[in-house]
N, C-alpha and C. Protein backbone atom coordinates (compact mmCIF):
# COMPACT_ATOMS: atom_id res chain seq x y z
N MET A 1 -25.95 -41.38 45.76
CA MET A 1 -25.02 -40.87 45.09
C MET A 1 -24.60 -40.92 43.33
N THR A 2 -25.39 -42.15 43.37
CA THR A 2 -25.49 -42.92 41.81
C THR A 2 -26.57 -42.06 41.16
N TYR A 3 -27.70 -41.57 41.77
CA TYR A 3 -28.45 -41.00 40.63
C TYR A 3 -28.10 -39.85 40.67
N LYS A 4 -27.49 -38.47 40.88
CA LYS A 4 -27.00 -37.72 40.55
C LYS A 4 -26.75 -37.13 39.16
N ALA A 5 -26.44 -38.03 38.89
CA ALA A 5 -26.21 -37.45 36.99
C ALA A 5 -27.35 -37.90 36.04
N VAL A 6 -28.26 -38.77 36.57
CA VAL A 6 -29.43 -38.84 36.13
C VAL A 6 -30.20 -37.68 36.12
N HIS A 7 -30.57 -37.27 37.08
CA HIS A 7 -30.72 -36.24 38.11
C HIS A 7 -30.71 -35.03 37.63
N ALA A 8 -29.30 -34.91 36.95
CA ALA A 8 -29.12 -33.61 36.39
C ALA A 8 -29.33 -33.52 34.80
N GLN A 9 -29.06 -34.45 34.30
CA GLN A 9 -29.38 -34.89 32.50
C GLN A 9 -30.72 -34.61 32.72
N ALA A 10 -32.01 -35.39 33.27
CA ALA A 10 -33.30 -34.68 33.47
C ALA A 10 -33.63 -33.33 33.77
N THR A 11 -32.93 -32.72 34.65
CA THR A 11 -32.90 -31.25 34.91
C THR A 11 -33.10 -30.24 33.79
N ILE A 12 -31.66 -30.76 32.92
CA ILE A 12 -31.31 -30.35 31.74
C ILE A 12 -32.19 -30.52 30.34
N GLU A 13 -33.27 -31.64 30.56
CA GLU A 13 -34.09 -32.05 29.43
C GLU A 13 -35.46 -31.15 29.93
N ILE A 14 -35.75 -31.14 30.94
CA ILE A 14 -37.09 -30.15 31.47
C ILE A 14 -36.63 -28.60 31.10
N ALA A 15 -35.56 -27.81 31.26
CA ALA A 15 -35.22 -26.71 31.38
C ALA A 15 -35.59 -27.02 29.72
N ASN A 16 -34.63 -27.27 28.94
CA ASN A 16 -34.90 -27.00 27.10
C ASN A 16 -36.23 -27.34 26.46
N LEU A 17 -36.89 -27.97 27.47
CA LEU A 17 -38.13 -28.17 26.97
C LEU A 17 -39.11 -27.28 27.44
N CYS A 18 -38.63 -26.42 28.74
CA CYS A 18 -39.35 -25.39 29.20
C CYS A 18 -39.11 -24.15 28.52
N ALA A 19 -38.08 -23.96 27.62
CA ALA A 19 -37.50 -22.65 26.66
C ALA A 19 -38.38 -23.06 25.55
N LEU A 20 -38.72 -23.91 25.24
CA LEU A 20 -39.31 -24.50 23.75
C LEU A 20 -40.44 -24.27 24.41
N ASN A 21 -41.08 -24.43 25.29
CA ASN A 21 -42.42 -24.45 25.46
C ASN A 21 -42.55 -22.54 25.70
N THR A 22 -41.87 -21.97 26.02
CA THR A 22 -42.17 -20.46 26.14
C THR A 22 -42.09 -19.80 24.94
N TYR A 23 -40.68 -20.31 24.18
CA TYR A 23 -40.94 -19.80 22.75
C TYR A 23 -41.76 -20.04 21.73
N ILE A 24 -42.62 -20.82 22.12
CA ILE A 24 -43.98 -21.62 20.88
C ILE A 24 -45.17 -21.13 21.46
N VAL A 25 -45.33 -20.66 23.22
CA VAL A 25 -46.40 -19.44 23.60
C VAL A 25 -46.12 -17.90 23.03
N CYS A 26 -44.74 -17.73 22.73
CA CYS A 26 -44.15 -16.40 22.10
C CYS A 26 -44.97 -16.40 21.00
N GLY A 27 -44.62 -17.28 20.49
CA GLY A 27 -45.12 -17.06 18.66
C GLY A 27 -46.65 -17.26 18.55
N GLU A 28 -47.31 -17.64 19.57
CA GLU A 28 -48.43 -18.13 19.31
C GLU A 28 -49.35 -16.55 19.94
N ILE A 29 -48.63 -15.99 20.82
CA ILE A 29 -49.10 -14.61 21.07
C ILE A 29 -48.76 -13.19 20.28
N ILE A 30 -47.62 -13.67 19.13
CA ILE A 30 -47.50 -12.09 18.32
C ILE A 30 -48.74 -12.87 17.38
N SER A 31 -48.52 -14.00 16.94
CA SER A 31 -49.62 -14.14 16.21
C SER A 31 -51.31 -13.73 16.25
N LEU A 32 -51.42 -14.05 17.39
CA LEU A 32 -53.06 -13.72 17.55
C LEU A 32 -52.90 -11.79 17.61
N TYR A 33 -51.75 -11.53 17.97
CA TYR A 33 -51.61 -10.03 18.51
C TYR A 33 -51.42 -8.95 16.75
N ILE A 34 -51.08 -10.05 15.83
CA ILE A 34 -51.47 -9.72 14.31
C ILE A 34 -52.13 -9.82 13.81
N ARG A 35 -53.32 -11.16 13.98
CA ARG A 35 -54.19 -11.46 13.65
C ARG A 35 -55.65 -10.42 13.87
N THR A 36 -55.21 -9.93 15.25
CA THR A 36 -56.25 -9.28 15.60
C THR A 36 -56.24 -7.85 14.82
N PHE A 37 -55.03 -7.40 14.39
CA PHE A 37 -55.16 -6.17 13.56
C PHE A 37 -55.64 -6.19 12.28
N GLU A 38 -55.23 -7.58 11.62
CA GLU A 38 -55.55 -7.94 10.41
C GLU A 38 -57.30 -7.86 10.32
N GLN A 39 -58.06 -8.13 10.92
CA GLN A 39 -59.48 -8.61 11.39
C GLN A 39 -60.08 -6.80 11.69
N GLN A 40 -59.17 -6.28 12.13
CA GLN A 40 -59.82 -4.75 12.96
C GLN A 40 -59.02 -4.05 10.96
N ASN A 41 -58.66 -4.44 9.90
CA ASN A 41 -58.39 -3.66 8.97
C ASN A 41 -57.38 -2.29 9.40
N GLU A 42 -56.97 -2.48 10.65
CA GLU A 42 -55.81 -1.64 10.86
C GLU A 42 -54.13 -2.13 10.71
N PRO A 43 -53.57 -0.89 10.18
CA PRO A 43 -52.35 -1.15 10.24
C PRO A 43 -51.43 -1.47 11.80
N LEU A 44 -50.43 -2.46 11.21
CA LEU A 44 -49.49 -2.44 12.93
C LEU A 44 -49.31 -1.11 12.77
N PRO A 45 -48.60 -0.65 14.30
CA PRO A 45 -48.05 0.47 14.56
C PRO A 45 -46.50 0.31 14.47
N ALA A 46 -46.40 1.18 14.26
CA ALA A 46 -44.60 1.50 13.76
C ALA A 46 -43.73 1.05 14.81
N GLY A 47 -42.92 0.13 14.57
CA GLY A 47 -41.91 -0.51 15.83
C GLY A 47 -42.51 -1.37 16.70
N GLY A 48 -43.98 -1.96 16.05
CA GLY A 48 -44.52 -2.87 17.43
C GLY A 48 -45.38 -2.52 18.33
N ALA A 49 -45.36 -1.45 18.33
CA ALA A 49 -46.16 -0.78 19.67
C ALA A 49 -47.30 -1.47 19.91
N VAL A 50 -47.40 -1.46 21.23
CA VAL A 50 -48.71 -1.88 22.03
C VAL A 50 -49.22 -0.97 22.51
N ALA A 51 -50.96 -0.82 22.14
CA ALA A 51 -51.51 0.25 22.94
C ALA A 51 -51.36 0.48 23.76
N GLY A 52 -51.37 1.59 24.02
CA GLY A 52 -51.09 1.87 25.73
C GLY A 52 -49.68 2.16 26.11
N ASP A 53 -49.08 1.43 25.20
CA ASP A 53 -47.38 1.57 25.85
C ASP A 53 -46.82 3.03 25.45
N THR A 54 -46.55 3.57 26.70
CA THR A 54 -46.08 5.34 26.73
C THR A 54 -44.81 5.42 26.42
N GLU A 55 -43.76 4.53 26.61
CA GLU A 55 -42.54 4.47 25.84
C GLU A 55 -42.34 4.73 24.27
N ALA A 56 -43.65 3.96 23.57
CA ALA A 56 -43.43 4.08 22.11
C ALA A 56 -43.89 5.28 21.58
N THR A 57 -44.79 5.84 22.51
CA THR A 57 -45.64 7.04 22.19
C THR A 57 -44.79 8.37 21.73
N VAL A 58 -45.09 8.81 20.57
CA VAL A 58 -44.54 10.40 20.51
C VAL A 58 -45.05 11.37 20.87
N HIS A 59 -44.61 12.30 22.21
CA HIS A 59 -45.53 13.24 22.13
C HIS A 59 -45.53 14.62 21.28
């Protein structure tokens, strides 16, 4: 039972690290997405819609 608090603290630190890494990966994906459009000399879609996204397409 004495190790329960140590384990709980480690779990919180791991969860925080996971959240931080997820945030960084999402930023990298957005950066690559923007760079792709810049290299193709195309404007970014209005509202950040992704090609093939049927919900963002105006019919």
